[in-house]
Amino acid sequence: MVFGQVTDFIMSRSGRGILNLADYAINIGMILLVLNMTVRFVNKRVCHAH
């Protein structure tokens, strides 16, 4: 923390679009969590069906 603040925004060179890394990390984590839970649920249903 050189400047006494945390920066999680990155401005592109064109000046358009701001990338918020923290929000992307949370969204990707939630997507992976839901996918993991879905795959486990489907695998349990398939294993118990036989």
N, C-alpha and C. Protein backbone atom coordinates (compact mmCIF):
# COMPACT_ATOMS: atom_id res chain seq x y z
N MET A 1 0.83 -1.18 0.00
CA MET A 1 0.00 0.00 0.00
C MET A 1 0.88 1.24 0.00
N VAL A 2 1.44 1.50 -1.11
CA VAL A 2 2.34 2.64 -1.26
C VAL A 2 1.59 3.96 -1.17
N PHE A 3 0.39 4.01 -1.77
CA PHE A 3 -0.36 5.26 -1.83
C PHE A 3 -1.43 5.37 -0.75
N GLY A 4 -1.49 4.40 0.16
CA GLY A 4 -2.48 4.44 1.23
C GLY A 4 -3.88 4.07 0.78
N GLN A 5 -3.99 3.38 -0.34
CA GLN A 5 -5.30 2.95 -0.84
C GLN A 5 -5.13 1.66 -1.64
N VAL A 6 -6.22 0.97 -1.83
CA VAL A 6 -6.21 -0.25 -2.62
C VAL A 6 -6.84 0.05 -3.97
N THR A 7 -6.16 -0.32 -5.04
CA THR A 7 -6.67 -0.08 -6.38
C THR A 7 -7.08 -1.41 -7.00
N ASP A 8 -8.36 -1.52 -7.37
CA ASP A 8 -8.79 -2.73 -8.05
C ASP A 8 -9.42 -2.39 -9.40
N PHE A 9 -9.25 -1.17 -9.85
CA PHE A 9 -9.72 -0.75 -11.16
C PHE A 9 -8.53 -0.57 -12.09
N ILE A 10 -8.68 -1.03 -13.32
CA ILE A 10 -7.64 -0.85 -14.32
C ILE A 10 -8.29 -0.20 -15.54
N MET A 11 -7.78 0.93 -15.95
CA MET A 11 -8.31 1.64 -17.12
C MET A 11 -7.55 1.17 -18.35
N SER A 12 -8.28 0.88 -19.40
CA SER A 12 -7.63 0.46 -20.64
C SER A 12 -6.99 1.66 -21.32
N ARG A 13 -6.09 1.40 -22.26
CA ARG A 13 -5.38 2.49 -22.94
C ARG A 13 -6.31 3.35 -23.78
N SER A 14 -7.35 2.75 -24.31
CA SER A 14 -8.28 3.51 -25.15
C SER A 14 -9.15 4.45 -24.32
N GLY A 15 -9.15 4.26 -23.01
CA GLY A 15 -9.97 5.10 -22.16
C GLY A 15 -11.38 4.57 -21.99
N ARG A 16 -11.71 3.54 -22.76
CA ARG A 16 -13.03 2.91 -22.64
C ARG A 16 -12.90 1.69 -21.76
N GLY A 17 -13.89 1.46 -20.97
CA GLY A 17 -13.94 0.25 -20.19
C GLY A 17 -13.02 0.24 -18.99
N ILE A 18 -13.59 -0.03 -17.88
CA ILE A 18 -12.84 -0.15 -16.64
C ILE A 18 -12.98 -1.59 -16.16
N LEU A 19 -11.88 -2.20 -15.83
CA LEU A 19 -11.87 -3.57 -15.37
C LEU A 19 -11.75 -3.58 -13.86
N ASN A 20 -12.76 -4.11 -13.20
CA ASN A 20 -12.73 -4.23 -11.76
C ASN A 20 -12.38 -5.68 -11.42
N LEU A 21 -11.16 -5.92 -11.02
CA LEU A 21 -10.67 -7.28 -10.79
C LEU A 21 -11.39 -7.98 -9.65
N ALA A 22 -11.70 -7.26 -8.59
CA ALA A 22 -12.36 -7.88 -7.45
C ALA A 22 -13.75 -8.40 -7.83
N ASP A 23 -14.50 -7.63 -8.59
CA ASP A 23 -15.83 -8.08 -9.00
C ASP A 23 -15.76 -9.28 -9.93
N TYR A 24 -14.80 -9.26 -10.86
CA TYR A 24 -14.64 -10.41 -11.74
C TYR A 24 -14.26 -11.66 -10.95
N ALA A 25 -13.40 -11.53 -9.97
CA ALA A 25 -12.99 -12.69 -9.16
C ALA A 25 -14.18 -13.27 -8.41
N ILE A 26 -15.02 -12.42 -7.85
CA ILE A 26 -16.22 -12.90 -7.14
C ILE A 26 -17.17 -13.60 -8.10
N ASN A 27 -17.40 -13.01 -9.26
CA ASN A 27 -18.31 -13.63 -10.23
C ASN A 27 -17.80 -14.97 -10.73
N ILE A 28 -16.52 -15.05 -11.04
CA ILE A 28 -15.95 -16.31 -11.51
C ILE A 28 -16.01 -17.36 -10.41
N GLY A 29 -15.74 -16.97 -9.18
CA GLY A 29 -15.83 -17.90 -8.05
C GLY A 29 -17.23 -18.44 -7.87
N MET A 30 -18.23 -17.58 -8.00
CA MET A 30 -19.62 -18.03 -7.86
C MET A 30 -20.02 -18.97 -9.00
N ILE A 31 -19.58 -18.67 -10.21
CA ILE A 31 -19.88 -19.55 -11.34
C ILE A 31 -19.25 -20.92 -11.13
N LEU A 32 -18.00 -20.95 -10.69
CA LEU A 32 -17.34 -22.23 -10.43
C LEU A 32 -18.01 -23.00 -9.31
N LEU A 33 -18.47 -22.30 -8.28
CA LEU A 33 -19.16 -22.95 -7.18
C LEU A 33 -20.46 -23.60 -7.64
N VAL A 34 -21.24 -22.87 -8.43
CA VAL A 34 -22.50 -23.41 -8.93
C VAL A 34 -22.25 -24.59 -9.87
N LEU A 35 -21.25 -24.49 -10.73
CA LEU A 35 -20.91 -25.61 -11.62
C LEU A 35 -20.49 -26.84 -10.83
N ASN A 36 -19.68 -26.64 -9.81
CA ASN A 36 -19.23 -27.74 -8.96
C ASN A 36 -20.42 -28.41 -8.28
N MET A 37 -21.31 -27.63 -7.71
CA MET A 37 -22.48 -28.18 -7.03
C MET A 37 -23.38 -28.92 -8.01
N THR A 38 -23.53 -28.40 -9.22
CA THR A 38 -24.37 -29.05 -10.23
C THR A 38 -23.78 -30.38 -10.66
N VAL A 39 -22.49 -30.42 -10.90
CA VAL A 39 -21.83 -31.66 -11.31
C VAL A 39 -21.93 -32.72 -10.21
N ARG A 40 -21.73 -32.33 -8.96
CA ARG A 40 -21.86 -33.28 -7.86
C ARG A 40 -23.28 -33.81 -7.74
N PHE A 41 -24.27 -32.95 -7.90
CA PHE A 41 -25.67 -33.36 -7.82
C PHE A 41 -25.99 -34.37 -8.92
N VAL A 42 -25.55 -34.07 -10.15
CA VAL A 42 -25.82 -34.96 -11.28
C VAL A 42 -25.11 -36.29 -11.08
N ASN A 43 -23.87 -36.26 -10.61
CA ASN A 43 -23.14 -37.51 -10.40
C ASN A 43 -23.81 -38.38 -9.33
N LYS A 44 -24.32 -37.78 -8.28
CA LYS A 44 -25.02 -38.56 -7.24
C LYS A 44 -26.27 -39.18 -7.80
N ARG A 45 -27.02 -38.45 -8.64
CA ARG A 45 -28.25 -38.97 -9.23
C ARG A 45 -27.94 -40.13 -10.17
N VAL A 46 -26.85 -40.02 -10.93
CA VAL A 46 -26.48 -41.07 -11.88
C VAL A 46 -26.02 -42.31 -11.13
N CYS A 47 -25.22 -42.15 -10.09
CA CYS A 47 -24.71 -43.29 -9.33
C CYS A 47 -25.81 -44.03 -8.61
N HIS A 48 -26.79 -43.33 -8.08
CA HIS A 48 -27.88 -43.97 -7.35
C HIS A 48 -28.91 -44.57 -8.29
N ALA A 49 -28.90 -44.20 -9.54
CA ALA A 49 -29.87 -44.74 -10.51
C ALA A 49 -29.52 -46.16 -10.92
N HIS A 50 -28.27 -46.53 -10.81
CA HIS A 50 -27.86 -47.90 -11.21
C HIS A 50 -27.96 -48.86 -10.11
